[in-house]
Amino acid sequence: MKLKYTILYVESVKATLEFYEKSFGFKAKFLHDAGDYGELDTGETTLSFSSLRLMSDLGKNPARPSPNSPVFEIAFETNDVRQWLNQAIESGATLIQDVKEEPWGQTTSYVSDPNGFLIEICSPVRQ
């Protein structure tokens, strides 16, 4: 068994893929012709997006995310937290927490994407 993909429900799949490409350097792996489903090439586990409209059409009732009371977090690891934080903000992310050195030996920062999903930009934990 392995974790294959995570799907986040968004207003616009195409715009969301473009945001993650510009903000974090990922490449879109797939966008369905109807524009209601897409995937980013993020390594072994795919980060995917489905439109809120499609999920409603399928009888689901997805809630909208709130960075002020998150129930889900995406974490991207890098050796240059400041650079990627700045790039994300320039690409339309909202700053939630500036770069911070944590007592457990990790550098962290947080933004929310245009959909309201909380994203941690962090360094590897120093041992």
C-alpha atoms as a PDB file:
ATOM      1  CA  MET A   1       0.000   0.000   0.000  1.00  0.00           C
ATOM      2  CA  LYS A   2       1.190   3.542  -0.701  1.00  0.00           C
ATOM      3  CA  LEU A   3      -0.292   7.015  -0.666  1.00  0.00           C
ATOM      4  CA  LYS A   4      -0.944   7.755  -4.345  1.00  0.00           C
ATOM      5  CA  TYR A   5      -2.589  11.187  -4.384  1.00  0.00           C
ATOM      6  CA  THR A   6      -4.348  13.859  -2.387  1.00  0.00           C
ATOM      7  CA  ILE A   7      -7.196  15.797  -3.985  1.00  0.00           C
ATOM      8  CA  LEU A   8      -8.085  19.331  -2.926  1.00  0.00           C
ATOM      9  CA  TYR A   9     -11.398  20.856  -3.997  1.00  0.00           C
ATOM     10  CA  VAL A  10     -11.004  24.251  -5.646  1.00  0.00           C
ATOM     11  CA  GLU A  11     -12.992  26.805  -7.604  1.00  0.00           C
ATOM     12  CA  SER A  12     -10.723  26.769 -10.672  1.00  0.00           C
ATOM     13  CA  VAL A  13      -8.443  23.792 -11.301  1.00  0.00           C
ATOM     14  CA  LYS A  14      -6.553  25.546 -14.109  1.00  0.00           C
ATOM     15  CA  ALA A  15      -5.873  28.693 -12.060  1.00  0.00           C
ATOM     16  CA  THR A  16      -4.809  26.579  -9.097  1.00  0.00           C
ATOM     17  CA  LEU A  17      -2.342  24.562 -11.201  1.00  0.00           C
ATOM     18  CA  GLU A  18      -0.903  27.814 -12.552  1.00  0.00           C
ATOM     19  CA  PHE A  19      -0.542  29.221  -9.020  1.00  0.00           C
ATOM     20  CA  TYR A  20       1.386  26.153  -7.790  1.00  0.00           C
ATOM     21  CA  GLU A  21       3.591  26.202 -10.896  1.00  0.00           C
ATOM     22  CA  LYS A  22       4.490  29.885 -10.388  1.00  0.00           C
ATOM     23  CA  SER A  23       4.743  29.742  -6.603  1.00  0.00           C
ATOM     24  CA  PHE A  24       6.600  26.490  -6.004  1.00  0.00           C
ATOM     25  CA  GLY A  25       8.055  25.417  -9.359  1.00  0.00           C
ATOM     26  CA  PHE A  26       5.900  22.311  -9.818  1.00  0.00           C
ATOM     27  CA  LYS A  27       4.785  21.291 -13.297  1.00  0.00           C
ATOM     28  CA  ALA A  28       1.238  20.377 -14.244  1.00  0.00           C
ATOM     29  CA  LYS A  29       1.149  16.678 -15.056  1.00  0.00           C
ATOM     30  CA  PHE A  30      -2.447  16.510 -16.239  1.00  0.00           C
ATOM     31  CA  LEU A  31      -5.489  18.734 -16.781  1.00  0.00           C
ATOM     32  CA  HIS A  32      -8.705  17.078 -17.932  1.00  0.00           C
ATOM     33  CA  ASP A  33     -10.239  18.566 -21.091  1.00  0.00           C
ATOM     34  CA  ALA A  34     -13.295  19.732 -19.096  1.00  0.00           C
ATOM     35  CA  GLY A  35     -10.971  21.540 -16.664  1.00  0.00           C
ATOM     36  CA  ASP A  36     -12.528  19.888 -13.614  1.00  0.00           C
ATOM     37  CA  TYR A  37      -9.561  17.741 -12.574  1.00  0.00           C
ATOM     38  CA  GLY A  38      -5.804  18.234 -12.680  1.00  0.00           C
ATOM     39  CA  GLU A  39      -2.573  16.967 -11.171  1.00  0.00           C
ATOM     40  CA  LEU A  40       0.826  18.401 -10.325  1.00  0.00           C
ATOM     41  CA  ASP A  41       4.039  16.435 -10.663  1.00  0.00           C
ATOM     42  CA  THR A  42       5.191  16.540  -7.027  1.00  0.00           C
ATOM     43  CA  GLY A  43       7.149  13.312  -6.790  1.00  0.00           C
ATOM     44  CA  GLU A  44       5.825   9.945  -5.632  1.00  0.00           C
ATOM     45  CA  THR A  45       2.578  11.333  -4.236  1.00  0.00           C
ATOM     46  CA  THR A  46       0.546  13.446  -6.628  1.00  0.00           C
ATOM     47  CA  LEU A  47      -1.118  16.661  -5.480  1.00  0.00           C
ATOM     48  CA  SER A  48      -4.414  16.807  -7.369  1.00  0.00           C
ATOM     49  CA  PHE A  49      -7.298  19.253  -7.654  1.00  0.00           C
ATOM     50  CA  SER A  50     -10.969  18.789  -8.450  1.00  0.00           C
ATOM     51  CA  SER A  51     -13.477  21.538  -9.039  1.00  0.00           C
ATOM     52  CA  LEU A  52     -16.102  22.288  -6.415  1.00  0.00           C
ATOM     53  CA  ARG A  53     -18.665  22.170  -9.243  1.00  0.00           C
ATOM     54  CA  LEU A  54     -17.728  18.617 -10.208  1.00  0.00           C
ATOM     55  CA  MET A  55     -17.889  17.439  -6.617  1.00  0.00           C
ATOM     56  CA  SER A  56     -21.326  19.027  -6.227  1.00  0.00           C
ATOM     57  CA  ASP A  57     -22.447  17.354  -9.461  1.00  0.00           C
ATOM     58  CA  LEU A  58     -21.279  14.026  -7.977  1.00  0.00           C
ATOM     59  CA  GLY A  59     -23.460  14.562  -4.913  1.00  0.00           C
ATOM     60  CA  LYS A  60     -20.647  15.623  -2.569  1.00  0.00           C
ATOM     61  CA  ASN A  61     -20.829  18.788  -0.490  1.00  0.00           C
ATOM     62  CA  PRO A  62     -17.218  19.908  -0.025  1.00  0.00           C
ATOM     63  CA  ALA A  63     -16.520  22.602   2.549  1.00  0.00           C
ATOM     64  CA  ARG A  64     -14.355  25.571   1.673  1.00  0.00           C
ATOM     65  CA  PRO A  65     -10.989  25.823   3.432  1.00  0.00           C
ATOM     66  CA  SER A  66     -10.159  28.558   5.923  1.00  0.00           C
ATOM     67  CA  PRO A  67      -6.523  29.392   6.731  1.00  0.00           C
ATOM     68  CA  ASN A  68      -7.676  30.864  10.069  1.00  0.00           C
ATOM     69  CA  SER A  69      -9.100  27.520  11.200  1.00  0.00           C
ATOM     70  CA  PRO A  70      -7.387  24.913   9.004  1.00  0.00           C
ATOM     71  CA  VAL A  71      -8.233  21.248   9.053  1.00  0.00           C
ATOM     72  CA  PHE A  72      -5.574  20.364   6.482  1.00  0.00           C
ATOM     73  CA  GLU A  73      -2.023  21.483   5.730  1.00  0.00           C
ATOM     74  CA  ILE A  74       0.254  20.997   2.740  1.00  0.00           C
ATOM     75  CA  ALA A  75       3.986  21.054   3.529  1.00  0.00           C
ATOM     76  CA  PHE A  76       6.731  21.693   0.990  1.00  0.00           C
ATOM     77  CA  GLU A  77      10.318  21.091   2.107  1.00  0.00           C
ATOM     78  CA  THR A  78      13.207  23.188   0.813  1.00  0.00           C
ATOM     79  CA  ASN A  79      16.658  24.364   1.833  1.00  0.00           C
ATOM     80  CA  ASP A  80      15.691  27.983   1.048  1.00  0.00           C
ATOM     81  CA  VAL A  81      12.479  28.774   2.931  1.00  0.00           C
ATOM     82  CA  ARG A  82      12.807  32.567   2.477  1.00  0.00           C
ATOM     83  CA  GLN A  83      13.188  32.349  -1.318  1.00  0.00           C
ATOM     84  CA  TRP A  84      10.132  30.126  -1.788  1.00  0.00           C
ATOM     85  CA  LEU A  85       8.080  32.135   0.706  1.00  0.00           C
ATOM     86  CA  ASN A  86       8.828  35.327  -1.243  1.00  0.00           C
ATOM     87  CA  GLN A  87       8.066  33.636  -4.560  1.00  0.00           C
ATOM     88  CA  ALA A  88       4.749  32.305  -3.244  1.00  0.00           C
ATOM     89  CA  ILE A  89       3.717  35.751  -1.998  1.00  0.00           C
ATOM     90  CA  GLU A  90       4.701  37.355  -5.317  1.00  0.00           C
ATOM     91  CA  SER A  91       2.533  34.735  -7.066  1.00  0.00           C
ATOM     92  CA  GLY A  92      -0.565  35.532  -5.019  1.00  0.00           C
ATOM     93  CA  ALA A  93      -0.224  33.620  -1.730  1.00  0.00           C
ATOM     94  CA  THR A  94      -1.238  35.317   1.517  1.00  0.00           C
ATOM     95  CA  LEU A  95       1.337  35.436   4.304  1.00  0.00           C
ATOM     96  CA  ILE A  96       0.206  33.619   7.442  1.00  0.00           C
ATOM     97  CA  GLN A  97       3.556  33.300   9.289  1.00  0.00           C
ATOM     98  CA  ASP A  98       6.912  34.755   8.288  1.00  0.00           C
ATOM     99  CA  VAL A  99      10.100  32.693   8.417  1.00  0.00           C
ATOM    100  CA  LYS A 100      10.681  31.353  11.920  1.00  0.00           C
ATOM    101  CA  GLU A 101      13.413  29.207  13.469  1.00  0.00           C
ATOM    102  CA  GLU A 102      11.651  26.505  15.462  1.00  0.00           C
ATOM    103  CA  PRO A 103      13.078  24.990  18.685  1.00  0.00           C
ATOM    104  CA  TRP A 104      13.089  21.501  17.121  1.00  0.00           C
ATOM    105  CA  GLY A 105      15.664  22.556  14.503  1.00  0.00           C
ATOM    106  CA  GLN A 106      13.479  23.446  11.544  1.00  0.00           C
ATOM    107  CA  THR A 107      12.808  26.676   9.690  1.00  0.00           C
ATOM    108  CA  THR A 108       9.110  27.205   8.908  1.00  0.00           C
ATOM    109  CA  SER A 109       6.806  29.708   7.266  1.00  0.00           C
ATOM    110  CA  TYR A 110       3.138  29.579   6.284  1.00  0.00           C
ATOM    111  CA  VAL A 111       1.002  30.999   3.488  1.00  0.00           C
ATOM    112  CA  SER A 112      -2.464  30.326   2.209  1.00  0.00           C
ATOM    113  CA  ASP A 113      -3.109  29.716  -1.460  1.00  0.00           C
ATOM    114  CA  PRO A 114      -5.842  31.652  -3.335  1.00  0.00           C
ATOM    115  CA  ASN A 115      -8.319  28.883  -2.399  1.00  0.00           C
ATOM    116  CA  GLY A 116      -7.606  29.269   1.329  1.00  0.00           C
ATOM    117  CA  PHE A 117      -5.506  26.117   1.824  1.00  0.00           C
ATOM    118  CA  LEU A 118      -2.747  26.395   4.443  1.00  0.00           C
ATOM    119  CA  ILE A 119       0.742  25.697   3.083  1.00  0.00           C
ATOM    120  CA  GLU A 120       3.846  25.219   5.196  1.00  0.00           C
ATOM    121  CA  ILE A 121       7.164  26.018   3.537  1.00  0.00           C
ATOM    122  CA  CYS A 122       9.809  24.380   5.685  1.00  0.00           C
ATOM    123  CA  SER A 123      13.385  23.195   5.842  1.00  0.00           C
ATOM    124  CA  PRO A 124      14.430  19.673   6.701  1.00  0.00           C
ATOM    125  CA  VAL A 125      14.707  19.186  10.469  1.00  0.00           C
ATOM    126  CA  ARG A 126      18.340  19.669  11.522  1.00  0.00           C
ATOM    127  CA  GLN A 127      19.612  16.728  13.561  1.00  0.00           C
END
